[in-house]
Amino acid sequence: MHTQSETAVEAAFLNVQNAAKYMGISVNTLYVWRHRRQGPPSFRMGPGGRVMYRRDLLDAWLSEQQQADSRSNPALNPLNNAPRQRERRRAA
């Protein structure tokens, strides 16, 4: 049976499999991102050096990704900007 403190730790930290499931992506994608130093921040924990993710940092990273996407952030959508007039070229 889990104690309350063990449950809190499990809720705060996710292994690769649980982080992938939480984000709705494959485990392989997380490994590739980690290898390329992309994706959410991760770290090694414990004597075995298991790769772990903090749930709060996963949430923050996902939020950053959403804000950087023009479909989710109207301020970045190029269709919301007024058209710019072209500069006329001068004859040489």
Protein backbone atom coordinates (compact mmCIF):
# COMPACT_ATOMS: atom_id res chain seq x y z
CA MET A 1 0.00 0.00 0.00
CA HIS A 2 1.31 3.48 -0.87
CA THR A 3 1.81 6.09 1.77
CA GLN A 4 0.60 9.63 1.16
CA SER A 5 4.16 10.93 0.61
CA GLU A 6 4.91 8.18 -1.97
CA THR A 7 1.72 9.09 -3.85
CA ALA A 8 2.72 12.78 -3.88
CA VAL A 9 6.14 11.90 -5.31
CA GLU A 10 4.56 9.70 -7.98
CA ALA A 11 2.22 12.55 -8.90
CA ALA A 12 5.10 15.05 -9.12
CA PHE A 13 7.59 12.91 -11.08
CA LEU A 14 6.94 10.76 -14.14
CA ASN A 15 9.17 8.15 -15.74
CA VAL A 16 9.57 8.11 -19.53
CA GLN A 17 6.63 5.78 -20.11
CA ASN A 18 4.24 7.76 -17.93
CA ALA A 19 5.45 11.12 -19.30
CA ALA A 20 4.87 9.91 -22.85
CA LYS A 21 1.40 8.69 -21.94
CA TYR A 22 0.65 11.96 -20.13
CA MET A 23 1.64 13.97 -23.20
CA GLY A 24 0.00 11.63 -25.70
CA ILE A 25 3.20 10.86 -27.61
CA SER A 26 5.41 7.80 -28.03
CA VAL A 27 8.24 6.84 -25.71
CA ASN A 28 10.54 6.90 -28.73
CA THR A 29 9.66 10.55 -29.40
CA LEU A 30 10.71 11.48 -25.86
CA TYR A 31 14.00 9.62 -26.27
CA VAL A 32 14.70 11.33 -29.60
CA TRP A 33 13.91 14.76 -28.14
CA ARG A 34 16.15 14.06 -25.16
CA HIS A 35 18.99 12.94 -27.43
CA ARG A 36 18.61 16.11 -29.53
CA ARG A 37 18.26 18.27 -26.40
CA GLN A 38 14.76 19.27 -27.45
CA GLY A 39 11.45 18.79 -25.73
CA PRO A 40 10.59 19.11 -22.07
CA PRO A 41 13.34 19.18 -19.46
CA SER A 42 14.29 15.82 -17.96
CA PHE A 43 16.87 14.54 -15.52
CA ARG A 44 18.33 11.32 -14.17
CA MET A 45 17.21 10.24 -10.71
CA GLY A 46 18.57 7.68 -8.30
CA PRO A 47 21.44 5.22 -8.41
CA GLY A 48 20.15 3.58 -11.60
CA GLY A 49 19.94 6.94 -13.33
CA ARG A 50 16.32 6.58 -14.47
CA VAL A 51 15.19 9.39 -16.75
CA MET A 52 12.43 11.33 -15.06
CA TYR A 53 10.20 14.30 -15.84
CA ARG A 54 8.61 16.74 -13.41
CA ARG A 55 4.90 17.03 -14.11
CA ASP A 56 4.86 20.80 -13.50
CA LEU A 57 7.66 21.30 -16.03
CA LEU A 58 5.82 19.13 -18.57
CA ASP A 59 2.76 21.34 -18.14
CA ALA A 60 4.86 24.51 -18.51
CA TRP A 61 6.60 23.15 -21.63
CA LEU A 62 3.29 22.15 -23.21
CA SER A 63 1.90 25.62 -22.48
CA GLU A 64 4.96 27.21 -24.14
CA GLN A 65 4.43 25.03 -27.21
CA GLN A 66 0.81 26.08 -27.41
CA GLN A 67 1.70 29.77 -27.16
CA ALA A 68 4.34 29.40 -29.88
CA ASP A 69 1.82 27.89 -32.32
CA SER A 70 0.05 30.40 -34.55
CA ARG A 71 -3.09 28.25 -34.59
CA SER A 72 -3.38 28.52 -30.79
CA ASN A 73 -2.09 32.07 -30.36
CA PRO A 74 -4.02 34.67 -32.41
CA ALA A 75 -1.19 37.19 -31.97
CA LEU A 76 1.08 34.95 -34.07
CA ASN A 77 -1.44 34.17 -36.78
CA PRO A 78 -0.30 35.93 -39.98
CA LEU A 79 -3.89 36.16 -41.18
CA ASN A 80 -4.68 38.54 -38.32
CA ASN A 81 -2.14 41.11 -39.52
CA ALA A 82 -3.09 43.85 -41.94
CA PRO A 83 -1.59 43.39 -45.38
CA ARG A 84 1.58 45.37 -45.99
CA GLN A 85 2.02 47.41 -49.13
CA ARG A 86 4.89 46.52 -51.41
CA GLU A 87 7.64 49.01 -51.95
CA ARG A 88 7.94 50.22 -55.49
CA ARG A 89 11.19 49.44 -57.20
CA ARG A 90 13.02 52.32 -58.77
CA ALA A 91 14.38 51.94 -62.26
CA ALA A 92 18.16 51.87 -62.28
